[in-house]
Amino acid sequence: MLMSEVKTGSCLCKTVKYDISTEIKGAGNCHCSICKKVTGGAFASVVFVGEEGFTLTSGEGALSMHDISELATKFFCNLCGSPVYNKHKHFPGFVMVALGSLDEPTQVTPGMNIFCESMLPWVKGIGALKNFDQGPQG
C-alpha cells in the first residue's frame, strides 16, 4: 500500500518517536530466522521508506543499535526494547520501519512475504484460527 501523507510512530514507552514524510514504498512480512529471533514472533512486518523522509522526532538518545547480521542493523528503544527500524546493506537509502510501531498500523497492508522457505508451517492457516475481539474468556 502506498501512502504519501505524514505518518507517525513510536516505541511502546513512547520515548522514541518518528515521522515518515515520504511515500511508503511497500510493506512486507519477513519469515527469515533472524527476523523471527529479533521480534520473538513468527515473522517481522516492515514498511519500506526512503531514509530522507524518516525523521526521529524524540528519544534519539534512547535508541540503541545492534548488528543482527553482516548485512542488517536493528535500531530499538533501550528502555522498552521495542524494535523501531532496521537498515540493510542491500537497500541503501531506505529504512525498514517496524509496522507495529506505526501509530496507525491499520493504514498499511503488507503486499508480500519473503524468505518463505523459513515460514513456520502454521502461518499459512492463521486466518482459520479462532478469533476473539479481546482475550479469550473462561
Protein backbone atom coordinates (compact mmCIF):
# COMPACT_ATOMS: atom_id res chain seq x y z
CA MET A 1 0.00 0.00 0.00
CA LEU A 2 1.45 3.37 -0.97
CA MET A 3 0.76 6.32 1.30
CA SER A 4 2.08 9.86 0.95
CA GLU A 5 0.66 11.76 3.96
CA VAL A 6 2.84 12.11 7.07
CA LYS A 7 2.78 9.04 9.31
CA THR A 8 3.93 8.96 12.91
CA GLY A 9 5.13 6.18 15.15
CA SER A 10 6.89 5.33 18.37
CA CYS A 11 8.23 2.61 20.62
CA LEU A 12 5.97 1.13 23.30
CA CYS A 13 7.04 3.57 26.04
CA LYS A 14 6.77 6.49 23.56
CA THR A 15 10.30 7.70 24.30
CA VAL A 16 11.46 7.17 20.70
CA LYS A 17 9.13 8.87 18.20
CA TYR A 18 9.40 9.40 14.46
CA ASP A 19 7.70 10.91 11.42
CA ILE A 20 7.54 9.45 7.93
CA SER A 21 7.08 12.29 5.45
CA THR A 22 7.82 10.37 2.27
CA GLU A 23 5.82 7.84 0.32
CA ILE A 24 5.77 4.34 1.75
CA LYS A 25 7.34 2.24 -0.99
CA GLY A 26 5.94 -1.05 0.20
CA ALA A 27 5.36 -3.33 3.15
CA GLY A 28 6.02 -6.98 3.72
CA ASN A 29 6.41 -9.86 6.12
CA CYS A 30 9.85 -11.40 6.52
CA HIS A 31 9.92 -15.03 7.63
CA CYS A 32 13.70 -15.42 7.90
CA SER A 33 15.16 -16.97 11.04
CA ILE A 34 16.82 -13.69 12.05
CA CYS A 35 13.54 -11.73 11.94
CA LYS A 36 11.83 -14.43 13.99
CA LYS A 37 14.54 -14.15 16.65
CA VAL A 38 14.67 -10.32 16.81
CA THR A 39 10.88 -9.96 17.04
CA GLY A 40 10.14 -13.06 19.11
CA GLY A 41 7.32 -13.76 16.66
CA ALA A 42 6.55 -15.90 13.65
CA PHE A 43 7.69 -13.15 11.25
CA ALA A 44 8.51 -9.44 11.10
CA SER A 45 6.22 -6.97 9.34
CA VAL A 46 8.09 -3.96 7.97
CA VAL A 47 7.38 -0.83 5.96
CA PHE A 48 9.95 0.37 3.38
CA VAL A 49 10.52 4.13 3.31
CA GLY A 50 13.20 6.40 1.91
CA GLU A 51 15.71 7.38 4.57
CA GLU A 52 15.34 11.07 3.62
CA GLY A 53 11.67 11.00 4.72
CA PHE A 54 12.24 9.20 8.03
CA THR A 55 12.90 11.58 10.94
CA LEU A 56 13.38 10.82 14.61
CA THR A 57 11.41 13.48 16.48
CA SER A 58 12.31 12.44 20.04
CA GLY A 59 14.26 9.89 22.02
CA GLU A 60 17.35 9.64 19.83
CA GLY A 61 19.42 9.13 23.00
CA ALA A 62 17.27 6.11 23.93
CA LEU A 63 17.82 4.47 20.54
CA SER A 64 20.25 1.55 20.53
CA MET A 65 21.54 -0.41 17.59
CA HIS A 66 22.68 -3.97 17.10
CA ASP A 67 24.16 -5.62 14.01
CA ILE A 68 21.84 -8.59 13.56
CA SER A 69 23.85 -9.90 10.62
CA GLU A 70 26.72 -8.76 8.41
CA LEU A 71 24.07 -7.02 6.27
CA ALA A 72 21.49 -5.63 8.69
CA THR A 73 21.35 -3.38 11.76
CA LYS A 74 18.39 -3.19 14.14
CA PHE A 75 17.51 0.07 15.92
CA PHE A 76 15.41 -0.29 19.05
CA CYS A 77 14.42 1.57 22.23
CA ASN A 78 16.86 0.74 25.02
CA LEU A 79 14.17 1.49 27.64
CA CYS A 80 11.27 -0.72 26.49
CA GLY A 81 13.04 -2.89 23.91
CA SER A 82 10.62 -2.13 21.08
CA PRO A 83 12.03 -2.52 17.56
CA VAL A 84 11.74 0.78 15.66
CA TYR A 85 13.54 0.27 12.34
CA ASN A 86 16.25 -1.67 10.52
CA LYS A 87 18.82 -0.76 7.90
CA HIS A 88 20.01 -3.31 5.37
CA LYS A 89 23.04 -3.06 3.08
CA HIS A 90 21.05 -4.45 0.13
CA PHE A 91 18.66 -1.47 0.42
CA PRO A 92 20.85 1.64 0.72
CA GLY A 93 18.91 4.85 1.24
CA PHE A 94 15.96 3.03 2.80
CA VAL A 95 14.85 2.13 6.29
CA MET A 96 12.59 -0.78 7.18
CA VAL A 97 10.25 0.54 9.86
CA ALA A 98 8.58 -1.97 12.18
CA LEU A 99 4.95 -1.90 11.03
CA GLY A 100 3.68 -2.36 14.59
CA SER A 101 5.50 0.80 15.69
CA LEU A 102 3.30 2.98 13.48
CA ASP A 103 0.69 4.95 15.43
CA GLU A 104 -1.92 3.79 12.89
CA PRO A 105 -0.67 0.44 11.57
CA THR A 106 -4.07 -0.38 10.08
CA GLN A 107 -3.34 2.13 7.29
CA VAL A 108 -0.64 -0.14 5.82
CA THR A 109 -1.18 -3.63 4.45
CA PRO A 110 1.79 -5.87 3.66
CA GLY A 111 1.93 -6.79 -0.02
CA MET A 112 4.46 -9.61 0.10
CA ASN A 113 6.02 -12.40 2.15
CA ILE A 114 9.74 -13.00 1.84
CA PHE A 115 12.01 -15.88 2.93
CA CYS A 116 9.00 -18.18 2.76
CA GLU A 117 11.25 -21.25 2.88
CA SER A 118 11.65 -20.38 6.58
CA MET A 119 7.93 -19.75 7.16
CA LEU A 120 6.51 -21.67 10.12
CA PRO A 121 4.09 -24.30 8.78
CA TRP A 122 1.08 -22.99 10.71
CA VAL A 123 1.35 -19.39 9.42
CA LYS A 124 -0.50 -20.12 6.14
CA GLY A 125 -3.56 -21.24 8.12
CA ILE A 126 -3.55 -18.38 10.62
CA GLY A 127 -6.78 -16.90 9.23
CA ALA A 128 -8.68 -20.09 10.10
CA LEU A 129 -7.82 -19.92 13.82
CA LYS A 130 -10.46 -18.95 16.38
CA ASN A 131 -10.64 -15.19 16.77
CA PHE A 132 -11.57 -13.16 19.85
CA ASP A 133 -12.12 -9.38 19.88
CA GLN A 134 -10.47 -9.35 23.30
CA GLY A 135 -8.64 -12.11 25.20
CA PRO A 136 -10.42 -15.50 25.44
CA GLN A 137 -12.88 -15.75 28.32
CA GLY A 138 -13.03 -18.58 30.83
